Amino acid sequence: MEKTTQDFLNKINLMTGKTYDEIIMIYKQSNLTKLSEIRSLFMQELQLSYGFTDTLIHIILKSDGTSMAEG
């Protein structure tokens, strides 16, 4: 994992008290597939802002954002 991604995940851990693995489990147990639904879940469960949540989702899904927007 590159340093900037790891730094971001460390910040998320400090903000939420959740590790990356715990966040992955929240995502997997939700069985959600739509970006908007995953975003809402993380904003509610982790109390993160839209921007932090969006970045986190793109890291989890290994998305560049553009391909995800195209469906």
PDB file of N, CA and C in Angstrom:
ATOM      1  N   MET A   1       0.845  -1.166   0.000  1.00  0.00           N
ATOM      2  CA  MET A   1       0.000   0.000   0.000  1.00  0.00           C
ATOM      3  C   MET A   1       0.901   1.242   0.000  1.00  0.00           C
ATOM      4  N   GLU A   2       0.578   2.210  -0.830  1.00  0.00           N
ATOM      5  CA  GLU A   2       1.429   3.388  -0.905  1.00  0.00           C
ATOM      6  C   GLU A   2       1.265   4.261   0.338  1.00  0.00           C
ATOM      7  N   LYS A   3       2.272   5.078   0.605  1.00  0.00           N
ATOM      8  CA  LYS A   3       2.341   5.846   1.841  1.00  0.00           C
ATOM      9  C   LYS A   3       1.146   6.778   2.019  1.00  0.00           C
ATOM     10  N   THR A   4       0.719   7.461   0.972  1.00  0.00           N
ATOM     11  CA  THR A   4      -0.398   8.396   1.113  1.00  0.00           C
ATOM     12  C   THR A   4      -1.686   7.666   1.491  1.00  0.00           C
ATOM     13  N   THR A   5      -1.893   6.483   0.920  1.00  0.00           N
ATOM     14  CA  THR A   5      -3.075   5.689   1.265  1.00  0.00           C
ATOM     15  C   THR A   5      -2.988   5.234   2.710  1.00  0.00           C
ATOM     16  N   GLN A   6      -1.828   4.765   3.123  1.00  0.00           N
ATOM     17  CA  GLN A   6      -1.660   4.328   4.511  1.00  0.00           C
ATOM     18  C   GLN A   6      -1.835   5.495   5.480  1.00  0.00           C
ATOM     19  N   ASP A   7      -1.319   6.658   5.133  1.00  0.00           N
ATOM     20  CA  ASP A   7      -1.495   7.845   5.979  1.00  0.00           C
ATOM     21  C   ASP A   7      -2.978   8.192   6.112  1.00  0.00           C
ATOM     22  N   PHE A   8      -3.707   8.111   5.002  1.00  0.00           N
ATOM     23  CA  PHE A   8      -5.148   8.381   5.026  1.00  0.00           C
ATOM     24  C   PHE A   8      -5.860   7.387   5.934  1.00  0.00           C
ATOM     25  N   LEU A   9      -5.536   6.109   5.800  1.00  0.00           N
ATOM     26  CA  LEU A   9      -6.189   5.085   6.620  1.00  0.00           C
ATOM     27  C   LEU A   9      -5.836   5.240   8.098  1.00  0.00           C
ATOM     28  N   ASN A  10      -4.617   5.679   8.386  1.00  0.00           N
ATOM     29  CA  ASN A  10      -4.245   5.964   9.772  1.00  0.00           C
ATOM     30  C   ASN A  10      -5.093   7.101  10.335  1.00  0.00           C
ATOM     31  N   LYS A  11      -5.343   8.120   9.518  1.00  0.00           N
ATOM     32  CA  LYS A  11      -6.180   9.242   9.943  1.00  0.00           C
ATOM     33  C   LYS A  11      -7.618   8.776  10.179  1.00  0.00           C
ATOM     34  N   ILE A  12      -8.132   7.927   9.306  1.00  0.00           N
ATOM     35  CA  ILE A  12      -9.483   7.378   9.476  1.00  0.00           C
ATOM     36  C   ILE A  12      -9.558   6.590  10.787  1.00  0.00           C
ATOM     37  N   ASN A  13      -8.516   5.818  11.083  1.00  0.00           N
ATOM     38  CA  ASN A  13      -8.471   5.058  12.327  1.00  0.00           C
ATOM     39  C   ASN A  13      -8.522   5.984  13.537  1.00  0.00           C
ATOM     40  N   LEU A  14      -7.781   7.068  13.497  1.00  0.00           N
ATOM     41  CA  LEU A  14      -7.794   8.034  14.594  1.00  0.00           C
ATOM     42  C   LEU A  14      -9.169   8.703  14.729  1.00  0.00           C
ATOM     43  N   MET A  15      -9.816   8.970  13.609  1.00  0.00           N
ATOM     44  CA  MET A  15     -11.110   9.649  13.622  1.00  0.00           C
ATOM     45  C   MET A  15     -12.247   8.741  14.076  1.00  0.00           C
ATOM     46  N   THR A  16     -12.166   7.465  13.713  1.00  0.00           N
ATOM     47  CA  THR A  16     -13.300   6.559  13.949  1.00  0.00           C
ATOM     48  C   THR A  16     -13.047   5.526  15.034  1.00  0.00           C
ATOM     49  N   GLY A  17     -11.785   5.259  15.318  1.00  0.00           N
ATOM     50  CA  GLY A  17     -11.457   4.179  16.238  1.00  0.00           C
ATOM     51  C   GLY A  17     -11.546   2.806  15.595  1.00  0.00           C
ATOM     52  N   LYS A  18     -11.767   2.777  14.285  1.00  0.00           N
ATOM     53  CA  LYS A  18     -11.896   1.519  13.540  1.00  0.00           C
ATOM     54  C   LYS A  18     -10.667   1.287  12.674  1.00  0.00           C
ATOM     55  N   THR A  19     -10.231   0.038  12.631  1.00  0.00           N
ATOM     56  CA  THR A  19      -9.139  -0.322  11.740  1.00  0.00           C
ATOM     57  C   THR A  19      -9.690  -0.503  10.326  1.00  0.00           C
ATOM     58  N   TYR A  20      -8.789  -0.561   9.370  1.00  0.00           N
ATOM     59  CA  TYR A  20      -9.189  -0.792   7.980  1.00  0.00           C
ATOM     60  C   TYR A  20      -9.934  -2.127   7.867  1.00  0.00           C
ATOM     61  N   ASP A  21      -9.436  -3.151   8.547  1.00  0.00           N
ATOM     62  CA  ASP A  21     -10.094  -4.466   8.503  1.00  0.00           C
ATOM     63  C   ASP A  21     -11.503  -4.411   9.092  1.00  0.00           C
ATOM     64  N   GLU A  22     -11.688  -3.648  10.153  1.00  0.00           N
ATOM     65  CA  GLU A  22     -13.034  -3.502  10.740  1.00  0.00           C
ATOM     66  C   GLU A  22     -13.978  -2.781   9.782  1.00  0.00           C
ATOM     67  N   ILE A  23     -13.456  -1.785   9.094  1.00  0.00           N
ATOM     68  CA  ILE A  23     -14.273  -1.058   8.117  1.00  0.00           C
ATOM     69  C   ILE A  23     -14.635  -1.963   6.946  1.00  0.00           C
ATOM     70  N   ILE A  24     -13.689  -2.772   6.495  1.00  0.00           N
ATOM     71  CA  ILE A  24     -13.970  -3.737   5.423  1.00  0.00           C
ATOM     72  C   ILE A  24     -15.097  -4.680   5.847  1.00  0.00           C
ATOM     73  N   MET A  25     -15.072  -5.123   7.090  1.00  0.00           N
ATOM     74  CA  MET A  25     -16.117  -6.026   7.587  1.00  0.00           C
ATOM     75  C   MET A  25     -17.483  -5.335   7.591  1.00  0.00           C
ATOM     76  N   ILE A  26     -17.538  -4.069   7.983  1.00  0.00           N
ATOM     77  CA  ILE A  26     -18.790  -3.310   7.940  1.00  0.00           C
ATOM     78  C   ILE A  26     -19.318  -3.291   6.512  1.00  0.00           C
ATOM     79  N   TYR A  27     -18.422  -3.014   5.574  1.00  0.00           N
ATOM     80  CA  TYR A  27     -18.803  -2.972   4.159  1.00  0.00           C
ATOM     81  C   TYR A  27     -19.305  -4.334   3.680  1.00  0.00           C
ATOM     82  N   LYS A  28     -18.546  -5.390   3.942  1.00  0.00           N
ATOM     83  CA  LYS A  28     -18.915  -6.719   3.455  1.00  0.00           C
ATOM     84  C   LYS A  28     -20.215  -7.214   4.073  1.00  0.00           C
ATOM     85  N   GLN A  29     -20.420  -6.973   5.353  1.00  0.00           N
ATOM     86  CA  GLN A  29     -21.632  -7.425   6.022  1.00  0.00           C
ATOM     87  C   GLN A  29     -22.868  -6.670   5.553  1.00  0.00           C
ATOM     88  N   SER A  30     -22.669  -5.490   4.997  1.00  0.00           N
ATOM     89  CA  SER A  30     -23.816  -4.695   4.524  1.00  0.00           C
ATOM     90  C   SER A  30     -24.411  -5.253   3.238  1.00  0.00           C
ATOM     91  N   ASN A  31     -23.600  -5.943   2.444  1.00  0.00           N
ATOM     92  CA  ASN A  31     -24.019  -6.453   1.133  1.00  0.00           C
ATOM     93  C   ASN A  31     -24.498  -5.354   0.188  1.00  0.00           C
ATOM     94  N   LEU A  32     -24.058  -4.135   0.429  1.00  0.00           N
ATOM     95  CA  LEU A  32     -24.451  -3.020  -0.435  1.00  0.00           C
ATOM     96  C   LEU A  32     -23.531  -2.962  -1.649  1.00  0.00           C
ATOM     97  N   THR A  33     -24.077  -2.520  -2.779  1.00  0.00           N
ATOM     98  CA  THR A  33     -23.281  -2.419  -3.995  1.00  0.00           C
ATOM     99  C   THR A  33     -23.281  -1.012  -4.592  1.00  0.00           C
ATOM    100  N   LYS A  34     -24.315  -0.229  -4.329  1.00  0.00           N
ATOM    101  CA  LYS A  34     -24.390   1.120  -4.884  1.00  0.00           C
ATOM    102  C   LYS A  34     -23.524   2.070  -4.072  1.00  0.00           C
ATOM    103  N   LEU A  35     -22.775   2.898  -4.781  1.00  0.00           N
ATOM    104  CA  LEU A  35     -21.893   3.854  -4.139  1.00  0.00           C
ATOM    105  C   LEU A  35     -22.655   4.729  -3.148  1.00  0.00           C
ATOM    106  N   SER A  36     -23.816   5.220  -3.538  1.00  0.00           N
ATOM    107  CA  SER A  36     -24.579   6.111  -2.662  1.00  0.00           C
ATOM    108  C   SER A  36     -25.013   5.406  -1.380  1.00  0.00           C
ATOM    109  N   GLU A  37     -25.344   4.124  -1.466  1.00  0.00           N
ATOM    110  CA  GLU A  37     -25.743   3.368  -0.281  1.00  0.00           C
ATOM    111  C   GLU A  37     -24.558   3.105   0.640  1.00  0.00           C
ATOM    112  N   ILE A  38     -23.422   2.767   0.055  1.00  0.00           N
ATOM    113  CA  ILE A  38     -22.209   2.533   0.843  1.00  0.00           C
ATOM    114  C   ILE A  38     -21.790   3.840   1.518  1.00  0.00           C
ATOM    115  N   ARG A  39     -21.870   4.940   0.779  1.00  0.00           N
ATOM    116  CA  ARG A  39     -21.522   6.253   1.327  1.00  0.00           C
ATOM    117  C   ARG A  39     -22.411   6.582   2.523  1.00  0.00           C
ATOM    118  N   SER A  40     -23.711   6.380   2.379  1.00  0.00           N
ATOM    119  CA  SER A  40     -24.635   6.654   3.484  1.00  0.00           C
ATOM    120  C   SER A  40     -24.328   5.780   4.695  1.00  0.00           C
ATOM    121  N   LEU A  41     -24.036   4.513   4.457  1.00  0.00           N
ATOM    122  CA  LEU A  41     -23.693   3.595   5.534  1.00  0.00           C
ATOM    123  C   LEU A  41     -22.474   4.100   6.301  1.00  0.00           C
ATOM    124  N   PHE A  42     -21.410   4.425   5.585  1.00  0.00           N
ATOM    125  CA  PHE A  42     -20.185   4.869   6.241  1.00  0.00           C
ATOM    126  C   PHE A  42     -20.365   6.219   6.931  1.00  0.00           C
ATOM    127  N   MET A  43     -21.112   7.122   6.323  1.00  0.00           N
ATOM    128  CA  MET A  43     -21.342   8.414   6.957  1.00  0.00           C
ATOM    129  C   MET A  43     -22.095   8.222   8.276  1.00  0.00           C
ATOM    130  N   GLN A  44     -23.043   7.302   8.290  1.00  0.00           N
ATOM    131  CA  GLN A  44     -23.820   7.043   9.496  1.00  0.00           C
ATOM    132  C   GLN A  44     -23.017   6.243  10.521  1.00  0.00           C
ATOM    133  N   GLU A  45     -22.418   5.136  10.090  1.00  0.00           N
ATOM    134  CA  GLU A  45     -21.714   4.232  11.008  1.00  0.00           C
ATOM    135  C   GLU A  45     -20.400   4.810  11.532  1.00  0.00           C
ATOM    136  N   LEU A  46     -19.678   5.514  10.672  1.00  0.00           N
ATOM    137  CA  LEU A  46     -18.346   5.990  11.039  1.00  0.00           C
ATOM    138  C   LEU A  46     -18.310   7.475  11.376  1.00  0.00           C
ATOM    139  N   GLN A  47     -19.429   8.168  11.124  1.00  0.00           N
ATOM    140  CA  GLN A  47     -19.513   9.609  11.400  1.00  0.00           C
ATOM    141  C   GLN A  47     -18.439  10.391  10.640  1.00  0.00           C
ATOM    142  N   LEU A  48     -18.265  10.016   9.363  1.00  0.00           N
ATOM    143  CA  LEU A  48     -17.293  10.698   8.519  1.00  0.00           C
ATOM    144  C   LEU A  48     -17.992  11.663   7.582  1.00  0.00           C
ATOM    145  N   SER A  49     -17.265  12.676   7.136  1.00  0.00           N
ATOM    146  CA  SER A  49     -17.803  13.620   6.156  1.00  0.00           C
ATOM    147  C   SER A  49     -17.902  12.949   4.789  1.00  0.00           C
ATOM    148  N   TYR A  50     -18.595  13.612   3.894  1.00  0.00           N
ATOM    149  CA  TYR A  50     -18.772  13.120   2.529  1.00  0.00           C
ATOM    150  C   TYR A  50     -17.420  12.855   1.864  1.00  0.00           C
ATOM    151  N   GLY A  51     -16.496  13.795   1.974  1.00  0.00           N
ATOM    152  CA  GLY A  51     -15.197  13.661   1.311  1.00  0.00           C
ATOM    153  C   GLY A  51     -14.372  12.500   1.843  1.00  0.00           C
ATOM    154  N   PHE A  52     -14.282  12.389   3.171  1.00  0.00           N
ATOM    155  CA  PHE A  52     -13.536  11.272   3.748  1.00  0.00           C
ATOM    156  C   PHE A  52     -14.184   9.943   3.361  1.00  0.00           C
ATOM    157  N   THR A  53     -15.506   9.910   3.408  1.00  0.00           N
ATOM    158  CA  THR A  53     -16.224   8.682   3.076  1.00  0.00           C
ATOM    159  C   THR A  53     -15.996   8.292   1.624  1.00  0.00           C
ATOM    160  N   ASP A  54     -16.079   9.251   0.733  1.00  0.00           N
ATOM    161  CA  ASP A  54     -15.878   8.969  -0.691  1.00  0.00           C
ATOM    162  C   ASP A  54     -14.478   8.419  -0.951  1.00  0.00           C
ATOM    163  N   THR A  55     -13.475   9.040  -0.361  1.00  0.00           N
ATOM    164  CA  THR A  55     -12.099   8.571  -0.545  1.00  0.00           C
ATOM    165  C   THR A  55     -11.940   7.164   0.003  1.00  0.00           C
ATOM    166  N   LEU A  56     -12.499   6.913   1.170  1.00  0.00           N
ATOM    167  CA  LEU A  56     -12.425   5.594   1.780  1.00  0.00           C
ATOM    168  C   LEU A  56     -13.062   4.532   0.881  1.00  0.00           C
ATOM    169  N   ILE A  57     -14.199   4.831   0.315  1.00  0.00           N
ATOM    170  CA  ILE A  57     -14.883   3.886  -0.573  1.00  0.00           C
ATOM    171  C   ILE A  57     -14.024   3.577  -1.797  1.00  0.00           C
ATOM    172  N   HIS A  58     -13.415   4.590  -2.371  1.00  0.00           N
ATOM    173  CA  HIS A  58     -12.581   4.372  -3.549  1.00  0.00           C
ATOM    174  C   HIS A  58     -11.355   3.523  -3.215  1.00  0.00           C
ATOM    175  N   ILE A  59     -10.835   3.667  -2.012  1.00  0.00           N
ATOM    176  CA  ILE A  59      -9.723   2.814  -1.586  1.00  0.00           C
ATOM    177  C   ILE A  59     -10.203   1.370  -1.430  1.00  0.00           C
ATOM    178  N   ILE A  60     -11.332   1.199  -0.773  1.00  0.00           N
ATOM    179  CA  ILE A  60     -11.866  -0.147  -0.536  1.00  0.00           C
ATOM    180  C   ILE A  60     -12.188  -0.851  -1.848  1.00  0.00           C
ATOM    181  N   LEU A  61     -12.825  -0.134  -2.748  1.00  0.00           N
ATOM    182  CA  LEU A  61     -13.240  -0.739  -4.021  1.00  0.00           C
ATOM    183  C   LEU A  61     -12.140  -0.692  -5.074  1.00  0.00           C
ATOM    184  N   LYS A  62     -11.001  -0.114  -4.716  1.00  0.00           N
ATOM    185  CA  LYS A  62      -9.873   0.039  -5.638  1.00  0.00           C
ATOM    186  C   LYS A  62     -10.327   0.710  -6.933  1.00  0.00           C
ATOM    187  N   SER A  63     -11.093   1.759  -6.735  1.00  0.00           N
ATOM    188  CA  SER A  63     -11.693   2.496  -7.852  1.00  0.00           C
ATOM    189  C   SER A  63     -10.926   3.797  -8.072  1.00  0.00           C
ATOM    190  N   ASP A  64     -10.915   4.249  -9.306  1.00  0.00           N
ATOM    191  CA  ASP A  64     -10.327   5.548  -9.580  1.00  0.00           C
ATOM    192  C   ASP A  64     -11.380   6.649  -9.598  1.00  0.00           C
ATOM    193  N   GLY A  65     -12.634   6.301  -9.329  1.00  0.00           N
ATOM    194  CA  GLY A  65     -13.706   7.290  -9.303  1.00  0.00           C
ATOM    195  C   GLY A  65     -14.353   7.461 -10.660  1.00  0.00           C
ATOM    196  N   THR A  66     -13.582   7.587 -11.708  1.00  0.00           N
ATOM    197  CA  THR A  66     -14.119   7.780 -13.044  1.00  0.00           C
ATOM    198  C   THR A  66     -14.848   6.525 -13.519  1.00  0.00           C
ATOM    199  N   SER A  67     -14.204   5.372 -13.386  1.00  0.00           N
ATOM    200  CA  SER A  67     -14.839   4.130 -13.834  1.00  0.00           C
ATOM    201  C   SER A  67     -16.082   3.839 -13.003  1.00  0.00           C
ATOM    202  N   MET A  68     -16.058   4.201 -11.720  1.00  0.00           N
ATOM    203  CA  MET A  68     -17.223   3.976 -10.873  1.00  0.00           C
ATOM    204  C   MET A  68     -18.379   4.879 -11.315  1.00  0.00           C
ATOM    205  N   ALA A  69     -18.097   6.130 -11.668  1.00  0.00           N
ATOM    206  CA  ALA A  69     -19.140   7.044 -12.107  1.00  0.00           C
ATOM    207  C   ALA A  69     -19.776   6.577 -13.412  1.00  0.00           C
ATOM    208  N   GLU A  70     -18.996   5.896 -14.232  1.00  0.00           N
ATOM    209  CA  GLU A  70     -19.512   5.398 -15.505  1.00  0.00           C
ATOM    210  C   GLU A  70     -20.354   4.143 -15.329  1.00  0.00           C
ATOM    211  N   GLY A  71     -20.348   3.587 -14.111  1.00  0.00           N
ATOM    212  CA  GLY A  71     -21.191   2.420 -13.832  1.00  0.00           C
ATOM    213  C   GLY A  71     -20.429   1.162 -13.950  1.00  0.00           C
TER     214      GLY A  71
END
